[in-house]
């Protein structure tokens, strides 16, 4: 179960505290207070769609930003349709550390957690 989530009813993508902490750490490491986590859904992967995570400090015209504890995740309009209702988390376990998505729209996920189908 993800940790506490700050919810804004007008938004449909949620960020956990762990996600916000990691983005804050990346902002500090890169010495860029405008840095955001960019989340994109691409066609491909073993299940049909795949998540792509990156860092960005620019917002495009078709982007929507989601905030939590002074950090932001940005995604484009097309990706947002596939991510609606998702929770973005950051996990650290024996397998490594990584951003993860709990996507209620996904009907199947691959073993690596990066690819999904709807």
N, C-alpha and C. Protein backbone atom coordinates (compact mmCIF):
# COMPACT_ATOMS: atom_id res chain seq x y z
N UNK A 1 0.85 -1.19 0.00
CA UNK A 1 0.00 0.00 0.00
C UNK A 1 0.89 1.24 0.00
N UNK A 2 0.68 2.19 -0.94
CA UNK A 2 1.49 3.39 -0.97
C UNK A 2 1.29 4.23 0.28
N UNK A 3 2.30 5.08 0.57
CA UNK A 3 2.19 5.95 1.72
C UNK A 3 1.19 7.05 1.44
N UNK A 4 1.03 7.99 2.38
CA UNK A 4 0.01 9.04 2.28
C UNK A 4 0.10 9.78 0.96
N UNK A 5 -1.04 10.10 0.40
CA UNK A 5 -1.12 10.77 -0.89
C UNK A 5 -1.95 12.04 -0.72
N UNK A 6 -1.40 13.15 -1.21
CA UNK A 6 -2.12 14.41 -1.21
C UNK A 6 -3.02 14.39 -2.45
N UNK A 7 -4.31 14.51 -2.26
CA UNK A 7 -5.24 14.36 -3.37
C UNK A 7 -5.87 15.70 -3.72
N UNK A 8 -5.87 16.02 -4.99
CA UNK A 8 -6.57 17.17 -5.52
C UNK A 8 -7.64 16.60 -6.44
N UNK A 9 -8.91 16.83 -6.13
CA UNK A 9 -10.00 16.19 -6.85
C UNK A 9 -9.97 16.51 -8.34
N UNK A 10 -9.46 17.69 -8.73
CA UNK A 10 -9.43 18.03 -10.15
C UNK A 10 -8.33 17.30 -10.90
N UNK A 11 -7.44 16.68 -10.19
CA UNK A 11 -6.35 15.94 -10.83
C UNK A 11 -6.67 14.46 -10.83
N UNK A 12 -6.11 13.74 -11.80
CA UNK A 12 -6.38 12.32 -11.84
C UNK A 12 -5.09 11.50 -11.93
N UNK A 13 -4.02 12.03 -11.35
CA UNK A 13 -2.76 11.30 -11.20
C UNK A 13 -2.25 11.67 -9.82
N UNK A 14 -1.95 10.67 -8.99
CA UNK A 14 -1.53 10.93 -7.62
C UNK A 14 -0.06 10.57 -7.43
N UNK A 15 0.62 11.30 -6.54
CA UNK A 15 2.02 11.07 -6.22
C UNK A 15 2.13 10.72 -4.74
N UNK A 16 2.92 9.72 -4.43
CA UNK A 16 3.13 9.36 -3.02
C UNK A 16 4.21 10.23 -2.41
N UNK A 17 4.31 10.16 -1.08
CA UNK A 17 5.38 10.87 -0.38
C UNK A 17 6.76 10.39 -0.84
N UNK A 18 6.91 9.09 -1.05
CA UNK A 18 8.21 8.55 -1.50
C UNK A 18 8.59 9.10 -2.88
N UNK A 19 7.61 9.23 -3.76
CA UNK A 19 7.85 9.80 -5.08
C UNK A 19 8.34 11.24 -4.94
N UNK A 20 7.65 12.02 -4.12
CA UNK A 20 8.02 13.43 -3.91
C UNK A 20 9.42 13.54 -3.31
N UNK A 21 9.74 12.67 -2.35
CA UNK A 21 11.08 12.71 -1.73
C UNK A 21 12.17 12.44 -2.76
N UNK A 22 11.93 11.48 -3.64
CA UNK A 22 12.94 11.15 -4.65
C UNK A 22 13.10 12.28 -5.67
N UNK A 23 12.00 12.89 -6.08
CA UNK A 23 12.09 14.01 -7.01
C UNK A 23 12.85 15.16 -6.35
N UNK A 24 12.58 15.42 -5.08
CA UNK A 24 13.31 16.46 -4.34
C UNK A 24 14.80 16.16 -4.32
N UNK A 25 15.15 14.92 -4.07
CA UNK A 25 16.56 14.50 -4.06
C UNK A 25 17.20 14.73 -5.43
N UNK A 26 16.50 14.39 -6.50
CA UNK A 26 17.02 14.58 -7.85
C UNK A 26 17.18 16.08 -8.16
N UNK A 27 16.25 16.90 -7.69
CA UNK A 27 16.36 18.35 -7.87
C UNK A 27 17.63 18.88 -7.19
N UNK A 28 17.90 18.37 -5.99
CA UNK A 28 19.09 18.78 -5.26
C UNK A 28 20.36 18.29 -5.95
N UNK A 29 20.36 17.04 -6.38
CA UNK A 29 21.55 16.47 -7.04
C UNK A 29 21.87 17.22 -8.33
N UNK A 30 20.85 17.59 -9.09
CA UNK A 30 21.03 18.29 -10.36
C UNK A 30 21.14 19.80 -10.19
N UNK A 31 20.95 20.26 -8.94
CA UNK A 31 20.98 21.70 -8.62
C UNK A 31 20.03 22.48 -9.53
N UNK A 32 18.81 21.92 -9.70
CA UNK A 32 17.81 22.54 -10.56
C UNK A 32 16.46 22.51 -9.84
N UNK A 33 16.05 23.64 -9.26
CA UNK A 33 14.79 23.68 -8.52
C UNK A 33 13.55 23.55 -9.41
N UNK A 34 13.71 23.62 -10.73
CA UNK A 34 12.59 23.51 -11.66
C UNK A 34 12.42 22.10 -12.22
N UNK A 35 13.24 21.18 -11.77
CA UNK A 35 13.23 19.82 -12.31
C UNK A 35 11.94 19.10 -11.95
N UNK A 36 11.38 18.39 -12.92
CA UNK A 36 10.16 17.60 -12.73
C UNK A 36 10.41 16.19 -13.25
N UNK A 37 9.61 15.26 -12.78
CA UNK A 37 9.62 13.91 -13.33
C UNK A 37 8.65 13.90 -14.50
N UNK A 38 9.13 13.54 -15.70
CA UNK A 38 8.26 13.43 -16.86
C UNK A 38 7.88 11.96 -17.03
N UNK A 39 6.59 11.71 -17.10
CA UNK A 39 6.04 10.37 -17.26
C UNK A 39 5.32 10.31 -18.59
N UNK A 40 5.75 9.38 -19.44
CA UNK A 40 5.18 9.23 -20.77
C UNK A 40 4.81 7.78 -20.99
N UNK A 41 3.74 7.55 -21.73
CA UNK A 41 3.36 6.19 -22.14
C UNK A 41 3.67 6.07 -23.63
N UNK A 42 4.44 5.04 -23.97
CA UNK A 42 4.82 4.79 -25.36
C UNK A 42 4.23 3.46 -25.82
N UNK A 43 4.00 3.33 -27.10
CA UNK A 43 3.62 2.04 -27.66
C UNK A 43 4.82 1.13 -27.65
N UNK A 44 4.62 -0.15 -27.41
CA UNK A 44 5.73 -1.11 -27.41
C UNK A 44 5.81 -1.86 -26.10
N UNK A 45 6.94 -2.48 -25.88
CA UNK A 45 7.09 -3.32 -24.70
C UNK A 45 6.42 -4.66 -24.92
N UNK A 46 6.61 -5.57 -24.02
CA UNK A 46 6.08 -6.92 -24.21
C UNK A 46 4.57 -7.00 -23.98
N UNK A 47 3.94 -5.95 -23.43
CA UNK A 47 2.50 -5.99 -23.19
C UNK A 47 1.71 -4.98 -24.01
N UNK A 48 2.36 -4.21 -24.86
CA UNK A 48 1.64 -3.28 -25.72
C UNK A 48 1.97 -1.81 -25.48
N UNK A 49 2.07 -1.42 -24.21
CA UNK A 49 2.45 -0.05 -23.84
C UNK A 49 3.56 -0.13 -22.81
N UNK A 50 4.37 0.93 -22.75
CA UNK A 50 5.42 0.96 -21.74
C UNK A 50 5.54 2.35 -21.15
N UNK A 51 5.92 2.41 -19.87
CA UNK A 51 6.14 3.66 -19.18
C UNK A 51 7.55 4.15 -19.47
N UNK A 52 7.69 5.45 -19.65
CA UNK A 52 9.00 6.05 -19.79
C UNK A 52 9.11 7.17 -18.76
N UNK A 53 10.16 7.11 -17.95
CA UNK A 53 10.42 8.13 -16.94
C UNK A 53 11.63 8.95 -17.37
N UNK A 54 11.56 10.24 -17.17
CA UNK A 54 12.68 11.12 -17.48
C UNK A 54 12.61 12.35 -16.60
N UNK A 55 13.63 13.17 -16.67
CA UNK A 55 13.67 14.43 -15.94
C UNK A 55 13.54 15.57 -16.92
N UNK A 56 12.81 16.59 -16.55
CA UNK A 56 12.57 17.71 -17.44
C UNK A 56 12.37 18.97 -16.60
N UNK A 57 12.68 20.11 -17.19
CA UNK A 57 12.40 21.38 -16.50
C UNK A 57 11.55 22.29 -17.37
N UNK A 58 10.91 21.70 -18.39
CA UNK A 58 10.05 22.47 -19.29
C UNK A 58 8.67 21.80 -19.37
N UNK A 59 7.65 22.63 -19.53
CA UNK A 59 6.28 22.15 -19.70
C UNK A 59 5.84 22.51 -21.12
N UNK A 60 5.38 21.50 -21.86
CA UNK A 60 4.90 21.70 -23.22
C UNK A 60 3.43 22.13 -23.21
N UNK A 61 2.96 22.60 -24.34
CA UNK A 61 1.58 23.10 -24.45
C UNK A 61 0.53 22.04 -24.10
N UNK A 62 0.80 20.76 -24.44
CA UNK A 62 -0.20 19.71 -24.18
C UNK A 62 0.06 18.95 -22.88
N UNK A 63 0.91 19.49 -22.01
CA UNK A 63 1.25 18.83 -20.74
C UNK A 63 0.29 19.21 -19.61
N UNK A 64 0.17 18.30 -18.67
CA UNK A 64 -0.52 18.54 -17.41
C UNK A 64 0.47 18.23 -16.31
N UNK A 65 0.52 19.08 -15.28
CA UNK A 65 1.42 18.83 -14.16
C UNK A 65 0.62 18.46 -12.92
N UNK A 66 1.21 17.61 -12.10
CA UNK A 66 0.61 17.15 -10.86
C UNK A 66 1.62 17.40 -9.75
N UNK A 67 1.19 18.04 -8.68
CA UNK A 67 2.08 18.46 -7.61
C UNK A 67 1.83 17.68 -6.33
N UNK A 68 2.90 17.52 -5.57
CA UNK A 68 2.81 16.92 -4.24
C UNK A 68 4.05 17.33 -3.46
N UNK A 69 3.84 18.00 -2.35
CA UNK A 69 4.91 18.40 -1.44
C UNK A 69 6.03 19.16 -2.15
N UNK A 70 5.66 20.10 -3.00
CA UNK A 70 6.64 20.96 -3.67
C UNK A 70 7.34 20.34 -4.87
N UNK A 71 6.89 19.17 -5.30
CA UNK A 71 7.48 18.53 -6.48
C UNK A 71 6.41 18.35 -7.54
N UNK A 72 6.85 18.07 -8.76
CA UNK A 72 5.88 17.92 -9.83
C UNK A 72 6.21 16.73 -10.73
N UNK A 73 5.14 16.12 -11.22
CA UNK A 73 5.22 15.13 -12.30
C UNK A 73 4.46 15.73 -13.46
N UNK A 74 5.03 15.63 -14.64
CA UNK A 74 4.41 16.19 -15.84
C UNK A 74 4.18 15.06 -16.84
N UNK A 75 3.04 15.13 -17.53
CA UNK A 75 2.74 14.13 -18.55
C UNK A 75 1.97 14.79 -19.68
N UNK A 76 2.05 14.21 -20.86
CA UNK A 76 1.35 14.77 -22.01
C UNK A 76 -0.10 14.29 -22.03
N UNK A 77 -0.90 14.94 -22.85
CA UNK A 77 -2.33 14.68 -22.92
C UNK A 77 -2.67 13.24 -23.30
N UNK A 78 -1.96 12.69 -24.28
CA UNK A 78 -2.22 11.32 -24.74
C UNK A 78 -1.87 10.31 -23.64
N UNK A 79 -0.73 10.50 -22.99
CA UNK A 79 -0.32 9.59 -21.91
C UNK A 79 -1.29 9.66 -20.75
N UNK A 80 -1.78 10.86 -20.45
CA UNK A 80 -2.68 11.04 -19.32
C UNK A 80 -3.95 10.20 -19.46
N UNK A 81 -4.43 10.04 -20.68
CA UNK A 81 -5.61 9.20 -20.89
C UNK A 81 -5.38 7.77 -20.44
N UNK A 82 -4.16 7.26 -20.63
CA UNK A 82 -3.83 5.88 -20.24
C UNK A 82 -3.42 5.79 -18.77
N UNK A 83 -3.11 6.93 -18.15
CA UNK A 83 -2.64 6.96 -16.77
C UNK A 83 -3.70 7.42 -15.78
N UNK A 84 -4.86 7.84 -16.25
CA UNK A 84 -5.89 8.40 -15.40
C UNK A 84 -6.18 7.50 -14.19
N UNK A 85 -6.11 8.09 -13.00
CA UNK A 85 -6.37 7.34 -11.77
C UNK A 85 -5.16 6.62 -11.21
N UNK A 86 -4.01 6.74 -11.85
CA UNK A 86 -2.80 6.03 -11.41
C UNK A 86 -2.14 6.71 -10.21
N UNK A 87 -1.35 5.92 -9.50
CA UNK A 87 -0.54 6.42 -8.39
C UNK A 87 0.92 6.21 -8.77
N UNK A 88 1.72 7.29 -8.70
CA UNK A 88 3.15 7.23 -9.00
C UNK A 88 3.88 7.11 -7.67
N UNK A 89 4.72 6.10 -7.54
CA UNK A 89 5.44 5.82 -6.30
C UNK A 89 6.92 5.66 -6.60
N UNK A 90 7.74 5.68 -5.58
CA UNK A 90 9.16 5.38 -5.69
C UNK A 90 9.46 4.28 -4.69
N UNK A 91 10.06 3.19 -5.16
CA UNK A 91 10.30 2.03 -4.31
C UNK A 91 11.78 1.72 -4.22
N UNK A 92 12.17 1.23 -3.07
CA UNK A 92 13.53 0.73 -2.85
C UNK A 92 13.40 -0.63 -2.21
N UNK A 93 13.92 -1.65 -2.90
CA UNK A 93 13.89 -3.01 -2.36
C UNK A 93 15.10 -3.78 -2.86
N UNK A 94 15.12 -5.07 -2.64
CA UNK A 94 16.27 -5.89 -3.04
C UNK A 94 16.52 -5.86 -4.54
N UNK A 95 15.46 -5.64 -5.31
CA UNK A 95 15.58 -5.58 -6.77
C UNK A 95 16.12 -4.26 -7.29
N UNK A 96 16.25 -3.27 -6.41
CA UNK A 96 16.76 -1.97 -6.81
C UNK A 96 15.82 -0.86 -6.38
N UNK A 97 16.07 0.32 -6.89
CA UNK A 97 15.21 1.46 -6.60
C UNK A 97 14.66 1.98 -7.92
N UNK A 98 13.37 2.35 -7.91
CA UNK A 98 12.73 2.69 -9.17
C UNK A 98 11.39 3.40 -8.91
N UNK A 99 10.98 4.20 -9.90
CA UNK A 99 9.63 4.75 -9.89
C UNK A 99 8.70 3.65 -10.36
N UNK A 100 7.52 3.59 -9.77
CA UNK A 100 6.54 2.58 -10.18
C UNK A 100 5.17 3.24 -10.36
N UNK A 101 4.34 2.58 -11.13
CA UNK A 101 2.99 3.06 -11.43
C UNK A 101 1.99 2.01 -11.00
N UNK A 102 1.02 2.41 -10.21
CA UNK A 102 -0.13 1.55 -9.93
C UNK A 102 -1.25 2.11 -10.81
N UNK A 103 -1.47 1.44 -11.94
CA UNK A 103 -2.38 1.94 -12.96
C UNK A 103 -3.66 1.09 -12.98
N UNK A 104 -4.80 1.68 -12.56
CA UNK A 104 -6.04 0.91 -12.54
C UNK A 104 -6.58 0.59 -13.93
N UNK A 105 -6.03 1.24 -14.97
CA UNK A 105 -6.46 0.99 -16.34
C UNK A 105 -5.77 -0.23 -16.96
N UNK A 106 -4.68 -0.67 -16.36
CA UNK A 106 -3.92 -1.80 -16.90
C UNK A 106 -4.64 -3.11 -16.60
N UNK A 107 -4.82 -3.92 -17.62
CA UNK A 107 -5.44 -5.23 -17.43
C UNK A 107 -4.38 -6.32 -17.27
N UNK A 108 -3.14 -6.02 -17.69
CA UNK A 108 -2.03 -6.96 -17.53
C UNK A 108 -0.74 -6.16 -17.49
N UNK A 109 0.22 -6.67 -16.73
CA UNK A 109 1.55 -6.07 -16.62
C UNK A 109 2.59 -7.13 -16.92
N UNK A 110 3.73 -6.69 -17.44
CA UNK A 110 4.81 -7.65 -17.63
C UNK A 110 5.55 -7.80 -16.30
N UNK A 111 6.43 -8.77 -16.22
CA UNK A 111 7.16 -9.04 -14.99
C UNK A 111 8.04 -7.89 -14.52
N UNK A 112 8.56 -7.10 -15.44
CA UNK A 112 9.46 -6.00 -15.06
C UNK A 112 8.69 -4.79 -14.57
N UNK A 113 7.37 -4.72 -14.79
CA UNK A 113 6.56 -3.61 -14.32
C UNK A 113 6.62 -2.37 -15.19
N UNK A 114 7.33 -2.42 -16.30
CA UNK A 114 7.46 -1.26 -17.18
C UNK A 114 6.46 -1.32 -18.33
N UNK A 115 5.98 -2.50 -18.65
CA UNK A 115 5.09 -2.68 -19.78
C UNK A 115 3.71 -3.12 -19.29
N UNK A 116 2.66 -2.66 -19.99
CA UNK A 116 1.30 -3.01 -19.57
C UNK A 116 0.37 -3.03 -20.79
N UNK A 117 -0.81 -3.62 -20.60
CA UNK A 117 -1.84 -3.58 -21.64
C UNK A 117 -3.15 -3.13 -21.01
N UNK A 118 -4.06 -2.65 -21.86
CA UNK A 118 -5.38 -2.22 -21.38
C UNK A 118 -6.47 -2.89 -22.19
